[in-house]
Amino acid sequence: MNRQMVRDAAGPVDGGRRYDVVVIGGGAAGLAGALTLSRARRSVLVVDDGRPRNAPAEGVHGYLALDGTPPRELLAAGRAEVRRYGGEFADGTVVSAERDGADFRVTLADGTGVRAARLLVTSGLTDELPPVPGLAGLWGTGVLHCPYCHGWEVRDQPIGVLATSPMAAHQALLWRQWSDDVMLFLHTGPEPTDEEYEQLAARGIAVVDGPVAAVESADGRLSGVRLAGGTVIARRALVVAPRFTARAGFLASLGLRAEDQEMRGTVIGSRIAADPTGQTSVPGVWVAGNVTSATDQVIGSAAAGVRAGAVINADLIDEEARRAVAARSTPFSAEQERRTAERVLGDGRHGL
């Protein structure tokens, strides 16, 4: 990509241009925020690296009226909607965001820079999977983590749960809702408590001791779980608990760093902290989606993007009103005289 400009499908965007809002990340949260802001007649640039987290999945689920839509199809439709209202896009990866006077300067990996009055960070997270051979290649198809995203698709099939944290027993009980054939592989996870063993037994969930050596596949689909001793147990789906790591290292230059995110007393990853509107501790910077809430599904991330977009627009309106009041109360100047002449006389002012 040319260092002097960011390329958009609709044409080149000057690398020195200033936008009302730069949205970092073009997933559901970013596109929903950009759509809200573009419809509010704000100048918006969405910077995205084209690597949607849910790309391996066959469809987006739980999204009202769009259930089952392929992820890239949903994003393409969202981009078209944002462009309809004047929003622009840049392909690239943001490496830093810094103060530039009253604005922010966002720098991409190729050196391109753009300025913005406000930032909406929707860069998502990275799923860090357990180091088990064969696991990564089946991520999003036979290797899963969210029952509300994929449970229906593997209903009544043999399901395994790979224990790597104290939440494993809870995961097994959760997935039992979708199948009566669920096994908990203890792997590197802690031994279940007596209460958990009782719950697992009562729900007919078998517990398998020992580490898992690999995940087996056939014809591109998960076929079984191989134990360290060589035994292969047939499974059609394997549930894992990734570490959800916020993609937000570029915010360190603004003093924003990720903190631990917990669920049921267990650290599940990291997040950028924010208030319910998405506003961070740095004035002018908002976050939405999985970068601040790892458990949000696509529809939840989109809703967070809409909410943040509306609050950002209100914040800009407040600032513009303050500036207008200040300008109105200043002594009459040559600049004000020029503007008054333009408003009153238009082209007729020439020669006066």
Protein backbone atom coordinates (compact mmCIF):
# COMPACT_ATOMS: atom_id res chain seq x y z
CA MET A 1 0.00 0.00 0.00
CA ASN A 2 1.29 3.44 -0.95
CA ARG A 3 2.79 5.25 2.07
CA GLN A 4 1.17 8.51 1.00
CA MET A 5 -2.42 7.41 0.94
CA VAL A 6 -4.88 4.87 2.23
CA ARG A 7 -6.84 3.06 -0.47
CA ASP A 8 -10.60 2.72 -0.28
CA ALA A 9 -12.75 0.81 -2.74
CA ALA A 10 -14.33 4.14 -3.71
CA GLY A 11 -10.95 5.82 -4.33
CA PRO A 12 -7.84 7.14 -2.59
CA VAL A 13 -7.97 8.84 0.79
CA ASP A 14 -5.29 11.41 1.56
CA GLY A 15 -3.07 10.12 4.37
CA GLY A 16 -3.10 13.54 6.07
CA ARG A 17 -6.87 13.90 6.09
CA ARG A 18 -8.73 14.56 9.34
CA TYR A 19 -11.89 12.63 10.19
CA ASP A 20 -14.46 13.15 12.89
CA VAL A 21 -13.98 9.51 13.88
CA VAL A 22 -11.52 6.77 12.94
CA VAL A 23 -12.91 3.30 13.68
CA ILE A 24 -10.16 0.72 14.26
CA GLY A 25 -11.56 -2.68 13.34
CA GLY A 26 -14.20 -3.59 10.75
CA GLY A 27 -16.14 -6.37 12.44
CA ALA A 28 -19.74 -6.17 13.62
CA ALA A 29 -19.00 -3.62 16.36
CA GLY A 30 -16.92 -1.38 14.11
CA LEU A 31 -19.33 -1.46 11.19
CA ALA A 32 -22.34 -0.81 13.41
CA GLY A 33 -20.57 2.14 15.02
CA ALA A 34 -19.46 3.47 11.63
CA LEU A 35 -23.00 3.13 10.26
CA THR A 36 -24.45 5.07 13.21
CA LEU A 37 -21.86 7.83 12.87
CA SER A 38 -22.11 8.05 9.08
CA ARG A 39 -25.87 8.40 9.32
CA ALA A 40 -25.23 11.22 11.80
CA ARG A 41 -23.33 12.95 8.96
CA ARG A 42 -19.94 12.43 10.55
CA SER A 43 -16.80 11.85 8.47
CA VAL A 44 -15.74 8.30 9.31
CA LEU A 45 -12.82 6.09 8.31
CA VAL A 46 -12.83 2.38 9.17
CA VAL A 47 -9.38 0.76 9.28
CA ASP A 48 -9.48 -3.03 9.04
CA ASP A 49 -6.92 -5.76 8.33
CA GLY A 50 -9.41 -8.19 6.76
CA ARG A 51 -8.99 -10.94 9.36
CA PRO A 52 -12.41 -11.48 10.97
CA ARG A 53 -12.21 -13.66 14.06
CA ASN A 54 -15.20 -15.78 13.04
CA ALA A 55 -14.02 -16.38 9.45
CA PRO A 56 -13.76 -20.21 9.88
CA ALA A 57 -17.39 -20.51 10.98
CA GLU A 58 -20.04 -21.48 8.43
CA GLY A 59 -22.52 -18.94 9.72
CA VAL A 60 -23.29 -16.28 12.31
CA HIS A 61 -25.88 -17.46 14.82
CA GLY A 62 -28.16 -15.74 17.29
CA TYR A 63 -28.36 -12.66 15.04
CA LEU A 64 -32.08 -11.92 14.69
CA ALA A 65 -33.33 -12.17 11.08
CA LEU A 66 -29.78 -13.00 9.86
CA ASP A 67 -29.17 -16.32 11.62
CA GLY A 68 -26.88 -18.55 9.57
CA THR A 69 -25.46 -15.75 7.41
CA PRO A 70 -21.83 -16.50 6.43
CA PRO A 71 -19.53 -14.13 8.38
CA ARG A 72 -17.88 -12.53 5.33
CA GLU A 73 -21.26 -12.05 3.67
CA LEU A 74 -22.51 -10.19 6.74
CA LEU A 75 -19.42 -7.96 6.79
CA ALA A 76 -19.67 -7.23 3.05
CA ALA A 77 -23.29 -6.13 3.49
CA GLY A 78 -22.27 -3.97 6.45
CA ARG A 79 -19.51 -2.29 4.47
CA ALA A 80 -21.92 -1.50 1.65
CA GLU A 81 -24.32 0.10 4.11
CA VAL A 82 -21.59 2.26 5.66
CA ARG A 83 -20.42 3.40 2.21
CA ARG A 84 -24.00 4.33 1.32
CA TYR A 85 -23.82 7.10 3.93
CA GLY A 86 -20.34 8.31 3.02
CA GLY A 87 -18.19 6.18 5.31
CA GLU A 88 -14.75 5.24 4.01
CA PHE A 89 -12.47 2.23 4.46
CA ALA A 90 -8.74 1.63 4.63
CA ASP A 91 -7.13 -1.81 4.43
CA GLY A 92 -4.32 -2.12 6.94
CA THR A 93 -3.20 -2.73 10.50
CA VAL A 94 -2.97 0.03 13.08
CA VAL A 95 0.34 0.04 14.96
CA SER A 96 -0.05 3.14 17.10
CA ALA A 97 -2.46 5.86 18.17
CA GLU A 98 -1.13 9.08 19.67
CA ARG A 99 -2.30 12.53 20.65
CA ASP A 100 -1.82 15.13 17.93
CA GLY A 101 -2.80 18.41 19.59
CA ALA A 102 -6.53 18.23 20.22
CA ASP A 103 -6.81 15.27 17.81
CA PHE A 104 -5.47 11.74 17.55
CA ARG A 105 -3.01 10.49 14.96
CA VAL A 106 -3.43 6.88 13.89
CA THR A 107 -0.49 5.20 12.16
CA LEU A 108 -0.77 2.08 10.02
CA ALA A 109 1.87 -0.61 9.57
CA ASP A 110 2.94 0.86 6.22
CA GLY A 111 3.55 4.29 7.75
CA THR A 112 0.33 5.91 6.55
CA GLY A 113 -1.16 8.28 9.10
CA VAL A 114 -4.63 9.79 9.54
CA ARG A 115 -6.02 12.19 12.14
CA ALA A 116 -9.30 12.03 14.01
CA ALA A 117 -11.21 13.98 16.63
CA ARG A 118 -12.36 10.72 18.23
CA LEU A 119 -11.42 7.03 18.15
CA LEU A 120 -13.70 4.02 18.26
CA VAL A 121 -11.61 0.89 18.87
CA THR A 122 -13.31 -2.34 17.81
CA SER A 123 -10.22 -4.42 17.06
CA GLY A 124 -11.56 -7.56 18.72
CA LEU A 125 -9.47 -10.32 20.26
CA THR A 126 -7.20 -13.22 19.46
CA ASP A 127 -8.23 -16.76 20.43
CA GLU A 128 -5.15 -18.42 21.95
CA LEU A 129 -5.80 -22.16 21.72
CA PRO A 130 -4.30 -24.91 23.90
CA PRO A 131 -1.15 -26.40 22.28
CA VAL A 132 -2.71 -29.69 21.14
CA PRO A 133 -1.75 -30.98 17.67
CA GLY A 134 -4.63 -30.83 15.19
CA LEU A 135 -6.65 -28.38 17.26
CA ALA A 136 -6.00 -25.16 15.34
CA GLY A 137 -6.84 -26.66 11.95
CA LEU A 138 -10.36 -27.50 13.09
CA TRP A 139 -11.03 -24.26 14.97
CA GLY A 140 -14.50 -22.92 14.25
CA THR A 141 -15.73 -26.16 12.66
CA GLY A 142 -15.17 -29.21 14.87
CA VAL A 143 -13.28 -27.40 17.65
CA LEU A 144 -15.65 -24.96 19.34
CA HIS A 145 -16.08 -22.83 22.44
CA CYS A 146 -19.52 -21.14 22.37
CA PRO A 147 -22.64 -23.34 22.64
CA TYR A 148 -24.91 -20.46 21.68
CA CYS A 149 -22.90 -20.01 18.48
CA HIS A 150 -22.48 -23.69 17.53
CA GLY A 151 -24.47 -25.90 19.89
CA TRP A 152 -27.43 -26.46 17.58
CA GLU A 153 -25.14 -27.51 14.73
CA VAL A 154 -23.64 -30.38 16.79
CA ARG A 155 -26.80 -31.34 18.67
CA ASP A 156 -27.12 -35.03 19.57
CA GLN A 157 -23.54 -35.73 18.44
CA PRO A 158 -20.66 -37.07 20.56
CA ILE A 159 -19.07 -33.99 22.19
CA GLY A 160 -15.84 -33.73 24.14
CA VAL A 161 -14.78 -30.96 26.51
CA LEU A 162 -11.04 -30.34 26.89
CA ALA A 163 -10.30 -29.24 30.46
CA THR A 164 -7.70 -26.49 30.75
CA SER A 165 -9.19 -24.35 33.54
CA PRO A 166 -11.42 -24.54 36.61
CA MET A 167 -14.40 -23.78 34.34
CA ALA A 168 -14.22 -27.14 32.54
CA ALA A 169 -16.91 -28.88 34.60
CA HIS A 170 -19.23 -25.94 34.04
CA GLN A 171 -18.53 -26.15 30.29
CA ALA A 172 -19.39 -29.84 30.25
CA LEU A 173 -22.66 -29.25 32.10
CA LEU A 174 -23.47 -26.41 29.70
CA TRP A 175 -22.91 -28.45 26.54
CA ARG A 176 -24.97 -31.29 28.00
CA GLN A 177 -27.98 -29.16 26.99
CA TRP A 178 -27.26 -29.99 23.33
CA SER A 179 -26.27 -33.67 23.58
CA ASP A 180 -26.60 -36.58 25.98
CA ASP A 181 -23.17 -37.87 24.87
CA VAL A 182 -20.67 -35.50 26.52
CA MET A 183 -17.22 -36.46 27.84
CA LEU A 184 -14.93 -34.31 29.96
CA PHE A 185 -11.23 -34.87 29.14
CA LEU A 186 -9.28 -33.72 32.22
CA HIS A 187 -6.10 -33.06 30.16
CA THR A 188 -4.30 -30.22 32.02
CA GLY A 189 -7.31 -28.95 33.93
CA PRO A 190 -7.76 -29.27 37.69
CA GLU A 191 -9.49 -32.24 39.27
CA PRO A 192 -13.24 -31.54 39.61
CA THR A 193 -14.51 -30.98 43.13
CA ASP A 194 -16.66 -33.59 44.85
CA GLU A 195 -19.72 -31.47 44.10
CA GLU A 196 -18.77 -31.20 40.44
CA TYR A 197 -18.16 -34.97 40.19
CA GLU A 198 -21.63 -35.52 41.61
CA GLN A 199 -23.18 -33.10 39.11
CA LEU A 200 -21.32 -34.67 36.19
CA ALA A 201 -22.37 -38.18 37.20
CA ALA A 202 -25.97 -37.10 37.67
CA ARG A 203 -26.01 -35.68 34.12
CA GLY A 204 -24.35 -38.75 32.61
CA ILE A 205 -21.11 -36.97 31.68
CA ALA A 206 -18.11 -39.30 31.59
CA VAL A 207 -14.75 -38.07 32.91
CA VAL A 208 -11.58 -39.19 31.09
CA ASP A 209 -8.27 -39.02 33.00
CA GLY A 210 -4.91 -38.14 31.49
CA PRO A 211 -3.62 -35.68 28.91
CA VAL A 212 -4.86 -35.44 25.34
CA ALA A 213 -2.07 -36.00 22.80
CA ALA A 214 -3.82 -34.88 19.60
CA VAL A 215 -7.07 -34.31 17.79
CA GLU A 216 -7.87 -36.68 14.93
CA SER A 217 -9.70 -35.74 11.75
CA ALA A 218 -11.10 -37.45 8.64
CA ASP A 219 -12.23 -35.73 5.44
CA GLY A 220 -11.59 -32.36 7.04
CA ARG A 221 -13.85 -33.06 10.02
CA LEU A 222 -13.03 -33.91 13.61
CA SER A 223 -13.26 -37.66 14.17
CA GLY A 224 -11.74 -38.33 17.56
CA VAL A 225 -9.53 -37.41 20.51
CA ARG A 226 -6.26 -39.32 20.94
CA LEU A 227 -5.02 -39.78 24.49
CA ALA A 228 -1.36 -39.88 25.49
CA GLY A 229 -1.51 -43.67 25.72
CA GLY A 230 -2.67 -43.96 22.10
CA THR A 231 -6.35 -44.65 22.68
CA VAL A 232 -8.64 -42.74 20.32
CA ILE A 233 -12.11 -41.82 21.56
CA ALA A 234 -14.56 -40.95 18.79
CA ARG A 235 -15.95 -37.41 19.00
CA ARG A 236 -17.57 -35.13 16.41
CA ALA A 237 -16.97 -31.90 18.33
CA LEU A 238 -14.42 -30.82 20.91
CA VAL A 239 -15.03 -27.86 23.19
CA VAL A 240 -12.04 -25.78 24.28
CA ALA A 241 -11.57 -22.64 26.35
CA PRO A 242 -9.15 -20.33 24.52
CA ARG A 243 -7.49 -17.42 26.20
CA PHE A 244 -9.23 -14.34 24.82
CA THR A 245 -6.49 -11.75 24.31
CA ALA A 246 -7.55 -8.22 23.38
CA ARG A 247 -5.95 -6.91 20.17
CA ALA A 248 -5.05 -3.55 21.63
CA GLY A 249 -1.28 -3.23 21.92
CA PHE A 250 -1.38 -0.11 19.72
CA LEU A 251 -3.25 1.73 22.51
CA ALA A 252 -0.24 1.60 24.85
CA SER A 253 1.02 4.88 23.36
CA LEU A 254 -2.15 6.49 24.76
CA GLY A 255 -1.66 4.91 28.19
CA LEU A 256 -4.38 2.30 27.66
CA ARG A 257 -3.38 -1.25 28.55
CA ALA A 258 -5.42 -4.41 28.73
CA GLU A 259 -6.45 -5.82 32.09
CA ASP A 260 -7.57 -9.31 33.12
CA GLN A 261 -11.11 -10.36 32.29
CA GLU A 262 -12.76 -12.89 34.59
CA MET A 263 -15.72 -15.24 34.41
CA ARG A 264 -16.98 -17.16 37.43
CA GLY A 265 -13.79 -16.23 39.28
CA THR A 266 -11.47 -17.50 36.54
CA VAL A 267 -9.30 -15.29 34.31
CA ILE A 268 -10.37 -15.99 30.73
CA GLY A 269 -8.31 -13.35 28.97
CA SER A 270 -7.78 -9.62 28.72
CA ARG A 271 -9.85 -6.56 27.87
CA ILE A 272 -9.71 -2.78 27.59
CA ALA A 273 -11.81 -1.46 30.47
CA ALA A 274 -14.61 0.98 29.70
CA ASP A 275 -17.87 2.31 31.09
CA PRO A 276 -21.25 0.96 29.82
CA THR A 277 -21.14 3.33 26.81
CA GLY A 278 -17.67 2.12 25.80
CA GLN A 279 -15.83 5.24 26.96
CA THR A 280 -12.33 4.46 28.23
CA SER A 281 -10.22 6.32 30.78
CA VAL A 282 -8.65 8.30 27.91
CA PRO A 283 -10.92 11.18 26.82
CA GLY A 284 -11.97 10.79 23.20
CA VAL A 285 -11.38 7.03 23.00
CA TRP A 286 -14.23 4.50 23.00
CA VAL A 287 -14.17 0.71 22.69
CA ALA A 288 -16.86 -1.77 21.63
CA GLY A 289 -17.20 -5.48 20.97
CA ASN A 290 -14.81 -8.25 21.94
CA VAL A 291 -11.87 -5.92 22.64
CA THR A 292 -13.69 -4.97 25.85
CA SER A 293 -16.11 -7.90 26.32
CA ALA A 294 -14.89 -11.35 25.26
CA THR A 295 -18.28 -12.97 25.78
CA ASP A 296 -20.24 -10.75 23.37
CA GLN A 297 -21.71 -12.59 20.40
CA VAL A 298 -21.92 -10.87 17.01
CA ILE A 299 -25.28 -9.28 17.69
CA GLY A 300 -24.10 -8.02 21.10
CA SER A 301 -20.97 -6.52 19.54
CA ALA A 302 -23.07 -4.77 16.90
CA ALA A 303 -25.34 -3.33 19.59
CA ALA A 304 -22.31 -2.06 21.52
CA GLY A 305 -21.02 -0.40 18.35
CA VAL A 306 -24.33 1.42 17.83
CA ARG A 307 -24.35 2.58 21.46
CA ALA A 308 -20.77 3.85 21.31
CA GLY A 309 -21.38 5.58 17.97
CA ALA A 310 -24.35 7.50 19.35
CA VAL A 311 -22.42 8.60 22.46
CA ILE A 312 -19.44 9.70 20.35
CA ASN A 313 -21.72 11.81 18.17
CA ALA A 314 -23.25 13.42 21.28
CA ASP A 315 -19.76 14.14 22.63
CA LEU A 316 -18.78 15.84 19.38
CA ILE A 317 -22.00 17.88 19.43
CA ASP A 318 -21.18 19.11 22.94
CA GLU A 319 -17.70 20.15 21.85
CA GLU A 320 -18.99 21.93 18.75
CA ALA A 321 -21.56 23.81 20.82
CA ARG A 322 -18.86 24.94 23.28
CA ARG A 323 -16.70 26.21 20.43
CA ALA A 324 -19.64 28.01 18.80
CA VAL A 325 -20.50 29.77 22.06
CA ALA A 326 -16.87 30.80 22.55
CA ALA A 327 -16.61 32.11 19.01
CA ARG A 328 -19.87 34.04 19.34
CA SER A 329 -18.69 35.79 22.49
CA THR A 330 -15.32 36.94 21.10
CA PRO A 331 -14.79 40.56 19.92
CA PHE A 332 -15.69 41.25 16.30
CA SER A 333 -12.78 40.40 14.01
CA ALA A 334 -11.84 40.61 10.36
CA GLU A 335 -12.54 36.88 10.02
CA GLN A 336 -16.03 37.28 11.48
CA GLU A 337 -16.64 40.22 9.15
CA ARG A 338 -15.65 38.08 6.16
CA ARG A 339 -18.00 35.28 7.21
CA THR A 340 -20.84 37.73 7.78
CA ALA A 341 -20.32 39.23 4.31
CA GLU A 342 -20.39 35.74 2.77
CA ARG A 343 -23.65 34.87 4.52
CA VAL A 344 -25.42 38.19 3.73
CA LEU A 345 -24.08 39.21 0.32
CA GLY A 346 -22.83 35.98 -1.23
CA ASP A 347 -21.22 36.66 -4.62
CA GLY A 348 -22.60 40.22 -4.50
CA ARG A 349 -19.95 41.21 -1.96
CA HIS A 350 -17.26 41.45 -4.66
CA GLY A 351 -16.27 45.01 -5.47
CA LEU A 352 -17.77 46.47 -2.28
